[in-house]
Amino acid sequence: MSVIVTEKAASEIKRVIEGQNMPETTCLRIGVAGGGCSGFQYSLGFDENVDKAKDHVSDQHGISVAVDKKSSLYLDGTTIDFHEGLDKRGFVFNNPNAVKSCGCGSSFSC
């Protein structure tokens, strides 16, 4: 699998899925889109439609994770964690393929 979701991030994702009464078939969709101040931006969302021919799908810490094959080229080896502190709260991407990242951490270039 090209992307690793930490146990802490998976717990937060489960909390959101349950809090919004999403179906059990809901998966976390991770991707890359053009844009942001560095060229590419990360995309996180929820999806019920997974195509195993077009997506890499895995179960991690009790959640289903889908990454489209095009995005997986840019995300290979990326770890997604969840940070909760006084200074900020949110998902953090640690992408070994990123040559440059913006200050907010939501966009990168390869």
C-alpha atoms as a PDB file:
ATOM      1  CA  MET A   1       0.000   0.000   0.000  1.00  0.00           C
ATOM      2  CA  SER A   2       1.298   3.364  -0.932  1.00  0.00           C
ATOM      3  CA  VAL A   3      -0.210   5.230   2.044  1.00  0.00           C
ATOM      4  CA  ILE A   4      -0.038   4.382   5.741  1.00  0.00           C
ATOM      5  CA  VAL A   5      -2.697   5.717   8.125  1.00  0.00           C
ATOM      6  CA  THR A   6      -1.603   5.779  11.766  1.00  0.00           C
ATOM      7  CA  GLU A   7      -3.788   4.371  14.498  1.00  0.00           C
ATOM      8  CA  LYS A   8      -4.433   7.892  15.850  1.00  0.00           C
ATOM      9  CA  ALA A   9      -5.562   9.131  12.414  1.00  0.00           C
ATOM     10  CA  ALA A  10      -7.747   6.043  11.920  1.00  0.00           C
ATOM     11  CA  SER A  11      -9.418   6.670  15.295  1.00  0.00           C
ATOM     12  CA  GLU A  12     -10.296  10.226  14.245  1.00  0.00           C
ATOM     13  CA  ILE A  13     -11.638   8.997  10.903  1.00  0.00           C
ATOM     14  CA  LYS A  14     -13.803   6.382  12.672  1.00  0.00           C
ATOM     15  CA  ARG A  15     -15.112   9.101  14.994  1.00  0.00           C
ATOM     16  CA  VAL A  16     -16.173  11.243  12.008  1.00  0.00           C
ATOM     17  CA  ILE A  17     -17.782   8.315  10.154  1.00  0.00           C
ATOM     18  CA  GLU A  18     -19.769   7.292  13.223  1.00  0.00           C
ATOM     19  CA  GLY A  19     -20.615  10.892  14.189  1.00  0.00           C
ATOM     20  CA  GLN A  20     -22.080  11.574  10.750  1.00  0.00           C
ATOM     21  CA  ASN A  21     -23.904   8.219  10.595  1.00  0.00           C
ATOM     22  CA  MET A  22     -22.172   7.203   7.372  1.00  0.00           C
ATOM     23  CA  PRO A  23     -22.763   3.647   6.081  1.00  0.00           C
ATOM     24  CA  GLU A  24     -20.372   0.887   7.174  1.00  0.00           C
ATOM     25  CA  THR A  25     -19.182   0.618   3.557  1.00  0.00           C
ATOM     26  CA  THR A  26     -17.706   4.144   3.728  1.00  0.00           C
ATOM     27  CA  CYS A  27     -13.975   4.321   3.057  1.00  0.00           C
ATOM     28  CA  LEU A  28     -11.410   7.061   3.407  1.00  0.00           C
ATOM     29  CA  ARG A  29     -10.395   8.275  -0.046  1.00  0.00           C
ATOM     30  CA  ILE A  30      -6.921   9.805  -0.264  1.00  0.00           C
ATOM     31  CA  GLY A  31      -5.710  11.562  -3.384  1.00  0.00           C
ATOM     32  CA  VAL A  32      -3.675  14.267  -5.009  1.00  0.00           C
ATOM     33  CA  ALA A  33      -5.045  17.134  -7.086  1.00  0.00           C
ATOM     34  CA  GLY A  34      -3.358  19.920  -8.981  1.00  0.00           C
ATOM     35  CA  GLY A  35      -3.306  23.218  -7.128  1.00  0.00           C
ATOM     36  CA  GLY A  36      -2.165  24.697  -3.881  1.00  0.00           C
ATOM     37  CA  CYS A  37       0.788  27.023  -3.518  1.00  0.00           C
ATOM     38  CA  SER A  38       3.337  24.265  -4.266  1.00  0.00           C
ATOM     39  CA  GLY A  39       1.749  22.568  -7.303  1.00  0.00           C
ATOM     40  CA  PHE A  40      -0.159  19.628  -5.815  1.00  0.00           C
ATOM     41  CA  GLN A  41      -2.546  19.436  -2.895  1.00  0.00           C
ATOM     42  CA  TYR A  42      -3.647  16.529  -0.759  1.00  0.00           C
ATOM     43  CA  SER A  43      -7.237  15.415  -0.857  1.00  0.00           C
ATOM     44  CA  LEU A  44      -9.072  13.536   1.918  1.00  0.00           C
ATOM     45  CA  GLY A  45     -12.688  12.539   1.672  1.00  0.00           C
ATOM     46  CA  PHE A  46     -15.201   9.774   2.176  1.00  0.00           C
ATOM     47  CA  ASP A  47     -16.448   7.465  -0.554  1.00  0.00           C
ATOM     48  CA  GLU A  48     -18.741   4.477  -0.850  1.00  0.00           C
ATOM     49  CA  ASN A  49     -17.670   3.598  -4.394  1.00  0.00           C
ATOM     50  CA  VAL A  50     -14.377   1.769  -4.677  1.00  0.00           C
ATOM     51  CA  ASP A  51     -13.162   0.277  -7.945  1.00  0.00           C
ATOM     52  CA  LYS A  52     -10.465  -2.307  -7.258  1.00  0.00           C
ATOM     53  CA  ALA A  53      -9.296  -1.975 -10.880  1.00  0.00           C
ATOM     54  CA  LYS A  54      -8.600   1.760 -10.415  1.00  0.00           C
ATOM     55  CA  ASP A  55      -7.897   1.988  -6.671  1.00  0.00           C
ATOM     56  CA  HIS A  56      -5.425   0.550  -4.198  1.00  0.00           C
ATOM     57  CA  VAL A  57      -7.628  -0.527  -1.294  1.00  0.00           C
ATOM     58  CA  SER A  58      -6.505  -1.610   2.165  1.00  0.00           C
ATOM     59  CA  ASP A  59      -7.901  -2.034   5.654  1.00  0.00           C
ATOM     60  CA  GLN A  60      -5.912  -0.126   8.256  1.00  0.00           C
ATOM     61  CA  HIS A  61      -6.784  -0.033  11.961  1.00  0.00           C
ATOM     62  CA  GLY A  62     -10.425  -0.848  11.247  1.00  0.00           C
ATOM     63  CA  ILE A  63     -11.022   1.573   8.363  1.00  0.00           C
ATOM     64  CA  SER A  64     -11.030   0.999   4.622  1.00  0.00           C
ATOM     65  CA  VAL A  65      -8.569   3.201   2.718  1.00  0.00           C
ATOM     66  CA  ALA A  66      -8.717   3.832  -1.045  1.00  0.00           C
ATOM     67  CA  VAL A  67      -6.064   5.597  -3.138  1.00  0.00           C
ATOM     68  CA  ASP A  68      -6.517   5.943  -6.882  1.00  0.00           C
ATOM     69  CA  LYS A  69      -3.562   4.537  -8.820  1.00  0.00           C
ATOM     70  CA  LYS A  70      -2.623   7.907 -10.332  1.00  0.00           C
ATOM     71  CA  SER A  71      -2.368   9.541  -6.895  1.00  0.00           C
ATOM     72  CA  SER A  72      -0.445   6.601  -5.481  1.00  0.00           C
ATOM     73  CA  LEU A  73       2.496   7.553  -7.725  1.00  0.00           C
ATOM     74  CA  TYR A  74       2.865  10.787  -5.714  1.00  0.00           C
ATOM     75  CA  LEU A  75       1.893   9.309  -2.338  1.00  0.00           C
ATOM     76  CA  ASP A  76       4.010   6.145  -2.203  1.00  0.00           C
ATOM     77  CA  GLY A  77       5.400   5.813   1.319  1.00  0.00           C
ATOM     78  CA  THR A  78       3.295   8.659   2.744  1.00  0.00           C
ATOM     79  CA  THR A  79       2.149   8.429   6.358  1.00  0.00           C
ATOM     80  CA  ILE A  80      -0.998  10.237   7.492  1.00  0.00           C
ATOM     81  CA  ASP A  81      -1.190  11.071  11.172  1.00  0.00           C
ATOM     82  CA  PHE A  82      -3.520  13.182  13.277  1.00  0.00           C
ATOM     83  CA  HIS A  83      -2.122  16.038  15.363  1.00  0.00           C
ATOM     84  CA  GLU A  84      -4.062  17.567  18.203  1.00  0.00           C
ATOM     85  CA  GLY A  85      -2.400  20.347  20.117  1.00  0.00           C
ATOM     86  CA  LEU A  86      -2.738  23.940  21.245  1.00  0.00           C
ATOM     87  CA  ASP A  87      -1.143  25.272  18.063  1.00  0.00           C
ATOM     88  CA  LYS A  88      -3.133  23.225  15.530  1.00  0.00           C
ATOM     89  CA  ARG A  89      -5.451  20.279  15.056  1.00  0.00           C
ATOM     90  CA  GLY A  90      -5.734  18.155  11.941  1.00  0.00           C
ATOM     91  CA  PHE A  91      -4.297  15.526   9.662  1.00  0.00           C
ATOM     92  CA  VAL A  92      -0.584  15.660   8.900  1.00  0.00           C
ATOM     93  CA  PHE A  93       0.980  14.196   5.756  1.00  0.00           C
ATOM     94  CA  ASN A  94       4.562  12.936   5.893  1.00  0.00           C
ATOM     95  CA  ASN A  95       5.379  12.420   2.213  1.00  0.00           C
ATOM     96  CA  PRO A  96       8.927  11.260   1.401  1.00  0.00           C
ATOM     97  CA  ASN A  97       8.371  12.171  -2.283  1.00  0.00           C
ATOM     98  CA  ALA A  98       7.694  15.858  -1.583  1.00  0.00           C
ATOM     99  CA  VAL A  99      10.629  18.039  -2.564  1.00  0.00           C
ATOM    100  CA  LYS A 100       8.953  21.194  -1.295  1.00  0.00           C
ATOM    101  CA  SER A 101       5.923  21.800   0.938  1.00  0.00           C
ATOM    102  CA  CYS A 102       3.997  24.928   1.773  1.00  0.00           C
ATOM    103  CA  GLY A 103       3.861  26.333   5.290  1.00  0.00           C
ATOM    104  CA  CYS A 104       0.382  24.985   5.982  1.00  0.00           C
ATOM    105  CA  GLY A 105       1.357  21.442   4.915  1.00  0.00           C
ATOM    106  CA  SER A 106      -1.591  20.948   2.568  1.00  0.00           C
ATOM    107  CA  SER A 107       0.315  21.270  -0.708  1.00  0.00           C
ATOM    108  CA  PHE A 108       3.624  20.008  -2.086  1.00  0.00           C
ATOM    109  CA  SER A 109       5.762  19.555  -5.188  1.00  0.00           C
ATOM    110  CA  CYS A 110       7.729  16.523  -6.352  1.00  0.00           C
END
